[in-house]
């Protein structure tokens, strides 16, 4: 889940390459919602072993009210820090890539 800022505009999406997709959003490489509303911070993410389960989860979360999405973020990320930095740090990124399903 991406956010423009704490309690700001939220974006829920699914991808098979989180690091690449977040980079696209952050650099405005893709026209659309995240570029228009400046939704650039990675506020929350969840890994799945199969794309089908990730898509089901995305659809489930998109149906939730905003308050439920905020609670989900704040359980893992109470300070709304941009998780991009930890995701791309050398030690985390190498372990993250190794944990991704083929």
Protein backbone atom coordinates (compact mmCIF):
# COMPACT_ATOMS: atom_id res chain seq x y z
CA UNK A 1 0.00 0.00 0.00
CA UNK A 2 1.36 3.35 -1.00
CA UNK A 3 0.52 6.67 0.68
CA UNK A 4 1.00 10.33 -0.16
CA UNK A 5 1.72 11.03 3.54
CA UNK A 6 0.49 9.94 6.96
CA UNK A 7 -3.30 9.57 6.71
CA UNK A 8 -3.07 10.87 3.14
CA UNK A 9 -4.17 9.40 -0.15
CA UNK A 10 -3.83 5.60 -0.28
CA UNK A 11 -3.17 3.26 -3.18
CA UNK A 12 -3.57 -0.52 -3.04
CA UNK A 13 -1.95 -2.63 -5.75
CA UNK A 14 -0.40 -5.97 -6.53
CA UNK A 15 2.87 -6.79 -8.28
CA UNK A 16 5.31 -9.63 -8.84
CA UNK A 17 8.26 -7.25 -8.35
CA UNK A 18 7.70 -4.94 -5.39
CA UNK A 19 11.03 -3.12 -5.55
CA UNK A 20 10.64 -2.30 -9.24
CA UNK A 21 6.98 -1.32 -8.91
CA UNK A 22 7.54 1.00 -5.96
CA UNK A 23 10.41 2.62 -7.86
CA UNK A 24 8.05 3.23 -10.81
CA UNK A 25 5.52 4.92 -8.53
CA UNK A 26 8.17 6.99 -6.74
CA UNK A 27 9.70 8.22 -9.99
CA UNK A 28 6.34 8.94 -11.68
CA UNK A 29 7.31 6.56 -14.48
CA UNK A 30 3.69 5.47 -14.92
CA UNK A 31 0.83 7.84 -15.71
CA UNK A 32 -2.15 7.48 -13.43
CA UNK A 33 -3.41 7.71 -9.89
CA UNK A 34 -0.12 7.61 -7.97
CA UNK A 35 1.46 10.25 -10.20
CA UNK A 36 -1.60 12.52 -10.11
CA UNK A 37 -1.96 12.38 -6.32
CA UNK A 38 1.78 12.10 -5.51
CA UNK A 39 1.44 8.75 -3.78
CA UNK A 40 5.11 7.87 -3.38
CA UNK A 41 5.68 6.35 0.07
CA UNK A 42 5.53 2.60 0.68
CA UNK A 43 3.43 2.43 3.85
CA UNK A 44 2.69 -1.32 4.02
CA UNK A 45 3.25 -4.52 2.08
CA UNK A 46 2.53 -8.20 2.35
CA UNK A 47 4.27 -11.06 0.54
CA UNK A 48 2.47 -14.02 -1.03
CA UNK A 49 3.85 -17.23 -2.49
CA UNK A 50 1.40 -17.22 -5.37
CA UNK A 51 0.04 -14.38 -7.49
CA UNK A 52 -3.52 -15.72 -7.22
CA UNK A 53 -3.52 -15.30 -3.43
CA UNK A 54 -1.98 -11.83 -3.76
CA UNK A 55 -4.71 -10.75 -6.19
CA UNK A 56 -7.43 -12.09 -3.89
CA UNK A 57 -5.92 -10.19 -0.97
CA UNK A 58 -5.66 -6.98 -3.03
CA UNK A 59 -9.35 -7.24 -3.98
CA UNK A 60 -10.28 -7.88 -0.35
CA UNK A 61 -8.34 -4.85 0.92
CA UNK A 62 -9.71 -2.57 -1.82
CA UNK A 63 -13.23 -3.29 -0.57
CA UNK A 64 -12.36 -2.29 3.00
CA UNK A 65 -13.27 1.12 4.36
CA UNK A 66 -10.43 3.61 4.63
CA UNK A 67 -10.32 3.22 8.43
CA UNK A 68 -9.55 -0.51 8.09
CA UNK A 69 -6.71 0.20 5.65
CA UNK A 70 -5.24 2.73 8.07
CA UNK A 71 -5.44 0.20 10.94
CA UNK A 72 -3.64 -2.36 8.74
CA UNK A 73 -0.83 0.12 8.03
CA UNK A 74 -0.53 1.21 11.64
CA UNK A 75 -0.24 -2.34 12.98
CA UNK A 76 2.98 -2.87 11.00
CA UNK A 77 4.07 0.73 10.52
CA UNK A 78 2.68 2.95 13.34
CA UNK A 79 4.94 5.88 12.43
CA UNK A 80 4.03 5.73 8.73
CA UNK A 81 7.71 5.63 7.83
CA UNK A 82 8.49 5.14 4.13
CA UNK A 83 9.34 1.43 4.01
CA UNK A 84 11.13 1.93 0.68
CA UNK A 85 14.41 2.74 2.42
CA UNK A 86 14.47 -0.47 4.43
CA UNK A 87 13.22 -2.50 1.48
CA UNK A 88 16.11 -1.29 -0.67
CA UNK A 89 18.87 -1.35 1.93
CA UNK A 90 21.53 -3.84 0.77
CA UNK A 91 21.01 -6.34 3.59
CA UNK A 92 17.20 -6.31 3.38
CA UNK A 93 17.01 -6.20 -0.42
CA UNK A 94 19.21 -9.28 -0.89
CA UNK A 95 17.19 -11.26 1.66
CA UNK A 96 13.94 -9.95 0.18
CA UNK A 97 14.88 -11.05 -3.32
CA UNK A 98 15.85 -14.49 -2.03
CA UNK A 99 12.49 -14.89 -0.28
CA UNK A 100 10.44 -14.15 -3.39
CA UNK A 101 8.78 -17.09 -5.10
CA UNK A 102 10.07 -18.02 -8.55
